[in-house]
Amino acid sequence: MYEKILVPLDGSKLAECVLPHVETLAKDCKPKEIILFRVCESMSVLSDYPASMPESFEEHVDKMTVYSHQQCGLYLKDVEKQLKSAGITNVKLESRLGDPAAEIADYASKNEVDLIVMASHGRSGPSRWAYGSVADKVFRSTCVPVLMIKGPGCVVGV
């Protein structure tokens, strides 16, 4: 039923609370591919970049963007090792730069993903409005089913 499972991770312990669920899905559903996916932030523009720096602002942005992308990949490799130690070998790693919700939804639709498994703080009301919710934005911007796992310590109505 689920051939491709997309697992968005942001490097936090909250996001990683989905991994036991992913392991169970992998063992029970036997998907062809589990995609560990991370969206890293793009370089923010610095208005006061010193002219005395040895590289131009554009070169600096390019270098920092490559570095950020590499760090995303290293994190995903660590998570992949964890899954492999649990006997899950059909793992693919993908990382992007940009807006997390938009990138997750875009990847899912363009790559025929069957299920997105992701964590949520479980916030509602004013705190959800104040902090925003990537999980909620993904849920509302894709037709792909989303299995949302509430993180440990979730308090209803907070």
C-alpha atoms as a PDB file:
ATOM      1  CA  MET A   1       0.000   0.000   0.000  1.00  0.00           C
ATOM      2  CA  TYR A   2       2.768   2.441   0.910  1.00  0.00           C
ATOM      3  CA  GLU A   3       5.579   2.203  -1.627  1.00  0.00           C
ATOM      4  CA  LYS A   4       7.306   5.505  -0.787  1.00  0.00           C
ATOM      5  CA  ILE A   5       7.280   6.963   2.708  1.00  0.00           C
ATOM      6  CA  LEU A   6       8.581  10.495   3.227  1.00  0.00           C
ATOM      7  CA  VAL A   7       9.988  11.290   6.678  1.00  0.00           C
ATOM      8  CA  PRO A   8      10.676  15.017   7.148  1.00  0.00           C
ATOM      9  CA  LEU A   9      13.202  15.692   9.916  1.00  0.00           C
ATOM     10  CA  ASP A  10      14.531  18.980  11.229  1.00  0.00           C
ATOM     11  CA  GLY A  11      17.331  17.766  13.467  1.00  0.00           C
ATOM     12  CA  SER A  12      15.279  17.940  16.667  1.00  0.00           C
ATOM     13  CA  LYS A  13      14.423  15.166  19.116  1.00  0.00           C
ATOM     14  CA  LEU A  14      10.760  16.020  18.539  1.00  0.00           C
ATOM     15  CA  ALA A  15      11.037  15.241  14.830  1.00  0.00           C
ATOM     16  CA  GLU A  16      12.873  12.008  15.609  1.00  0.00           C
ATOM     17  CA  CYS A  17       9.967  10.733  17.740  1.00  0.00           C
ATOM     18  CA  VAL A  18       8.518   9.426  14.453  1.00  0.00           C
ATOM     19  CA  LEU A  19      11.362   6.952  13.922  1.00  0.00           C
ATOM     20  CA  PRO A  20       9.865   4.054  15.939  1.00  0.00           C
ATOM     21  CA  HIS A  21       6.670   4.478  13.881  1.00  0.00           C
ATOM     22  CA  VAL A  22       8.697   4.514  10.670  1.00  0.00           C
ATOM     23  CA  GLU A  23      10.467   1.309  11.748  1.00  0.00           C
ATOM     24  CA  THR A  24       7.111  -0.388  12.351  1.00  0.00           C
ATOM     25  CA  LEU A  25       5.742   0.799   9.001  1.00  0.00           C
ATOM     26  CA  ALA A  26       8.898  -0.398   7.253  1.00  0.00           C
ATOM     27  CA  LYS A  27       8.640  -3.850   8.778  1.00  0.00           C
ATOM     28  CA  ASP A  28       4.866  -4.247   8.359  1.00  0.00           C
ATOM     29  CA  CYS A  29       4.203  -2.470   5.031  1.00  0.00           C
ATOM     30  CA  LYS A  30       7.545  -3.252   3.378  1.00  0.00           C
ATOM     31  CA  PRO A  31       7.729  -0.067   1.283  1.00  0.00           C
ATOM     32  CA  LYS A  32      10.185   0.113  -1.590  1.00  0.00           C
ATOM     33  CA  GLU A  33      11.660   3.351  -0.257  1.00  0.00           C
ATOM     34  CA  ILE A  34      11.834   5.366   2.935  1.00  0.00           C
ATOM     35  CA  ILE A  35      12.986   8.901   2.219  1.00  0.00           C
ATOM     36  CA  LEU A  36      14.622  10.798   5.063  1.00  0.00           C
ATOM     37  CA  PHE A  37      14.102  14.440   4.144  1.00  0.00           C
ATOM     38  CA  ARG A  38      15.488  17.605   5.646  1.00  0.00           C
ATOM     39  CA  VAL A  39      14.962  21.213   4.668  1.00  0.00           C
ATOM     40  CA  CYS A  40      17.744  23.512   5.800  1.00  0.00           C
ATOM     41  CA  GLU A  41      17.544  27.238   5.945  1.00  0.00           C
ATOM     42  CA  SER A  42      18.976  29.324   3.161  1.00  0.00           C
ATOM     43  CA  MET A  43      21.546  31.967   3.987  1.00  0.00           C
ATOM     44  CA  SER A  44      19.980  35.106   5.318  1.00  0.00           C
ATOM     45  CA  VAL A  45      21.064  38.362   3.743  1.00  0.00           C
ATOM     46  CA  LEU A  46      23.438  40.437   5.822  1.00  0.00           C
ATOM     47  CA  SER A  47      23.120  44.111   5.133  1.00  0.00           C
ATOM     48  CA  ASP A  48      26.419  44.958   6.810  1.00  0.00           C
ATOM     49  CA  TYR A  49      28.767  42.445   5.187  1.00  0.00           C
ATOM     50  CA  PRO A  50      32.272  43.913   5.708  1.00  0.00           C
ATOM     51  CA  ALA A  51      33.995  45.070   2.543  1.00  0.00           C
ATOM     52  CA  SER A  52      37.338  43.959   4.013  1.00  0.00           C
ATOM     53  CA  MET A  53      36.429  40.244   3.787  1.00  0.00           C
ATOM     54  CA  PRO A  54      38.625  38.175   1.446  1.00  0.00           C
ATOM     55  CA  GLU A  55      35.638  36.982  -0.575  1.00  0.00           C
ATOM     56  CA  SER A  56      32.695  38.799  -2.106  1.00  0.00           C
ATOM     57  CA  PHE A  57      29.299  38.648  -0.453  1.00  0.00           C
ATOM     58  CA  GLU A  58      28.049  36.368  -3.255  1.00  0.00           C
ATOM     59  CA  GLU A  59      30.990  33.987  -2.769  1.00  0.00           C
ATOM     60  CA  HIS A  60      30.358  33.962   0.968  1.00  0.00           C
ATOM     61  CA  VAL A  61      26.653  33.160   0.469  1.00  0.00           C
ATOM     62  CA  ASP A  62      27.522  30.359  -1.970  1.00  0.00           C
ATOM     63  CA  LYS A  63      30.076  28.899   0.458  1.00  0.00           C
ATOM     64  CA  MET A  64      27.681  29.043   3.416  1.00  0.00           C
ATOM     65  CA  THR A  65      24.855  27.536   1.353  1.00  0.00           C
ATOM     66  CA  VAL A  66      27.054  24.578   0.398  1.00  0.00           C
ATOM     67  CA  TYR A  67      28.089  24.197   4.044  1.00  0.00           C
ATOM     68  CA  SER A  68      24.458  24.240   5.239  1.00  0.00           C
ATOM     69  CA  HIS A  69      23.502  21.640   2.633  1.00  0.00           C
ATOM     70  CA  GLN A  70      26.418  19.415   3.715  1.00  0.00           C
ATOM     71  CA  GLN A  71      25.369  19.649   7.370  1.00  0.00           C
ATOM     72  CA  CYS A  72      21.845  18.560   6.425  1.00  0.00           C
ATOM     73  CA  GLY A  73      23.288  15.532   4.679  1.00  0.00           C
ATOM     74  CA  LEU A  74      25.506  14.567   7.628  1.00  0.00           C
ATOM     75  CA  TYR A  75      22.539  14.636   9.983  1.00  0.00           C
ATOM     76  CA  LEU A  76      20.493  12.440   7.645  1.00  0.00           C
ATOM     77  CA  LYS A  77      23.360   9.940   7.391  1.00  0.00           C
ATOM     78  CA  ASP A  78      23.323   9.593  11.181  1.00  0.00           C
ATOM     79  CA  VAL A  79      19.588   8.866  11.162  1.00  0.00           C
ATOM     80  CA  GLU A  80      20.067   6.429   8.284  1.00  0.00           C
ATOM     81  CA  LYS A  81      22.619   4.507  10.392  1.00  0.00           C
ATOM     82  CA  GLN A  82      20.053   4.266  13.179  1.00  0.00           C
ATOM     83  CA  LEU A  83      17.454   2.793  10.815  1.00  0.00           C
ATOM     84  CA  LYS A  84      19.967   0.416   9.265  1.00  0.00           C
ATOM     85  CA  SER A  85      20.870  -0.882  12.713  1.00  0.00           C
ATOM     86  CA  ALA A  86      17.154  -1.724  13.085  1.00  0.00           C
ATOM     87  CA  GLY A  87      17.320  -3.722   9.838  1.00  0.00           C
ATOM     88  CA  ILE A  88      15.844  -1.115   7.496  1.00  0.00           C
ATOM     89  CA  THR A  89      18.022  -0.838   4.403  1.00  0.00           C
ATOM     90  CA  ASN A  90      15.772   0.777   1.777  1.00  0.00           C
ATOM     91  CA  VAL A  91      16.545   4.330   2.903  1.00  0.00           C
ATOM     92  CA  LYS A  92      17.111   7.292   0.608  1.00  0.00           C
ATOM     93  CA  LEU A  93      18.423  10.675   1.773  1.00  0.00           C
ATOM     94  CA  GLU A  94      17.187  13.983   0.383  1.00  0.00           C
ATOM     95  CA  SER A  95      17.821  17.535   1.508  1.00  0.00           C
ATOM     96  CA  ARG A  96      16.667  20.892   0.233  1.00  0.00           C
ATOM     97  CA  LEU A  97      17.106  24.553   1.065  1.00  0.00           C
ATOM     98  CA  GLY A  98      14.064  26.747   1.497  1.00  0.00           C
ATOM     99  CA  ASP A  99      10.711  26.899   3.254  1.00  0.00           C
ATOM    100  CA  PRO A 100      10.169  23.556   5.039  1.00  0.00           C
ATOM    101  CA  ALA A 101       6.411  23.137   4.484  1.00  0.00           C
ATOM    102  CA  ALA A 102       6.573  24.135   0.824  1.00  0.00           C
ATOM    103  CA  GLU A 103       9.587  21.923   0.095  1.00  0.00           C
ATOM    104  CA  ILE A 104       8.044  18.897   1.828  1.00  0.00           C
ATOM    105  CA  ALA A 105       4.734  19.231  -0.035  1.00  0.00           C
ATOM    106  CA  ASP A 106       6.494  19.887  -3.344  1.00  0.00           C
ATOM    107  CA  TYR A 107       8.776  16.867  -2.987  1.00  0.00           C
ATOM    108  CA  ALA A 108       5.867  14.608  -2.016  1.00  0.00           C
ATOM    109  CA  SER A 109       3.781  15.580  -5.038  1.00  0.00           C
ATOM    110  CA  LYS A 110       6.619  15.459  -7.574  1.00  0.00           C
ATOM    111  CA  ASN A 111       8.020  12.120  -6.380  1.00  0.00           C
ATOM    112  CA  GLU A 112       4.865  10.019  -6.024  1.00  0.00           C
ATOM    113  CA  VAL A 113       5.140   9.718  -2.245  1.00  0.00           C
ATOM    114  CA  ASP A 114       2.380   7.557  -0.722  1.00  0.00           C
ATOM    115  CA  LEU A 115       2.667   8.657   2.914  1.00  0.00           C
ATOM    116  CA  ILE A 116       4.300  11.469   4.881  1.00  0.00           C
ATOM    117  CA  VAL A 117       5.206  10.633   8.487  1.00  0.00           C
ATOM    118  CA  MET A 118       6.034  13.657  10.607  1.00  0.00           C
ATOM    119  CA  ALA A 119       5.943  14.991  14.146  1.00  0.00           C
ATOM    120  CA  SER A 120       3.914  17.812  15.602  1.00  0.00           C
ATOM    121  CA  HIS A 121       4.103  19.686  18.886  1.00  0.00           C
ATOM    122  CA  GLY A 122       0.342  19.305  19.165  1.00  0.00           C
ATOM    123  CA  ARG A 123      -0.184  23.000  19.814  1.00  0.00           C
ATOM    124  CA  SER A 124      -3.524  24.650  19.308  1.00  0.00           C
ATOM    125  CA  GLY A 125      -5.017  28.077  19.856  1.00  0.00           C
ATOM    126  CA  PRO A 126      -2.772  31.124  20.365  1.00  0.00           C
ATOM    127  CA  SER A 127       0.481  29.175  20.745  1.00  0.00           C
ATOM    128  CA  ARG A 128      -0.050  27.503  17.357  1.00  0.00           C
ATOM    129  CA  TRP A 129      -0.823  30.875  15.823  1.00  0.00           C
ATOM    130  CA  ALA A 130       2.278  32.434  17.409  1.00  0.00           C
ATOM    131  CA  TYR A 131       4.733  29.661  16.550  1.00  0.00           C
ATOM    132  CA  GLY A 132       3.194  28.393  13.333  1.00  0.00           C
ATOM    133  CA  SER A 133       3.080  24.756  12.393  1.00  0.00           C
ATOM    134  CA  VAL A 134       5.055  23.174   9.588  1.00  0.00           C
ATOM    135  CA  ALA A 135       3.070  19.964  10.089  1.00  0.00           C
ATOM    136  CA  ASP A 136      -0.231  21.800   9.714  1.00  0.00           C
ATOM    137  CA  LYS A 137       0.970  23.639   6.601  1.00  0.00           C
ATOM    138  CA  VAL A 138       2.121  20.348   5.040  1.00  0.00           C
ATOM    139  CA  PHE A 139      -1.195  18.696   5.903  1.00  0.00           C
ATOM    140  CA  ARG A 140      -3.131  21.516   4.233  1.00  0.00           C
ATOM    141  CA  SER A 141      -0.918  21.822   1.142  1.00  0.00           C
ATOM    142  CA  THR A 142      -0.735  18.240  -0.083  1.00  0.00           C
ATOM    143  CA  CYS A 143      -3.090  15.481  -1.156  1.00  0.00           C
ATOM    144  CA  VAL A 144      -0.655  12.854   0.140  1.00  0.00           C
ATOM    145  CA  PRO A 145      -1.835  11.192   3.383  1.00  0.00           C
ATOM    146  CA  VAL A 146      -0.005  12.527   6.446  1.00  0.00           C
ATOM    147  CA  LEU A 147       0.578  10.432   9.549  1.00  0.00           C
ATOM    148  CA  MET A 148       1.128  13.021  12.244  1.00  0.00           C
ATOM    149  CA  ILE A 149       2.801  11.871  15.455  1.00  0.00           C
ATOM    150  CA  LYS A 150       2.336  14.089  18.494  1.00  0.00           C
ATOM    151  CA  GLY A 151       5.601  14.583  20.305  1.00  0.00           C
ATOM    152  CA  PRO A 152       6.328  13.481  23.834  1.00  0.00           C
ATOM    153  CA  GLY A 153       4.992  15.888  26.416  1.00  0.00           C
ATOM    154  CA  CYS A 154       2.102  16.975  24.199  1.00  0.00           C
ATOM    155  CA  VAL A 155      -0.547  18.823  26.196  1.00  0.00           C
ATOM    156  CA  VAL A 156      -3.980  19.082  24.618  1.00  0.00           C
ATOM    157  CA  GLY A 157      -5.280  22.616  24.236  1.00  0.00           C
ATOM    158  CA  VAL A 158      -1.936  24.332  24.817  1.00  0.00           C
END
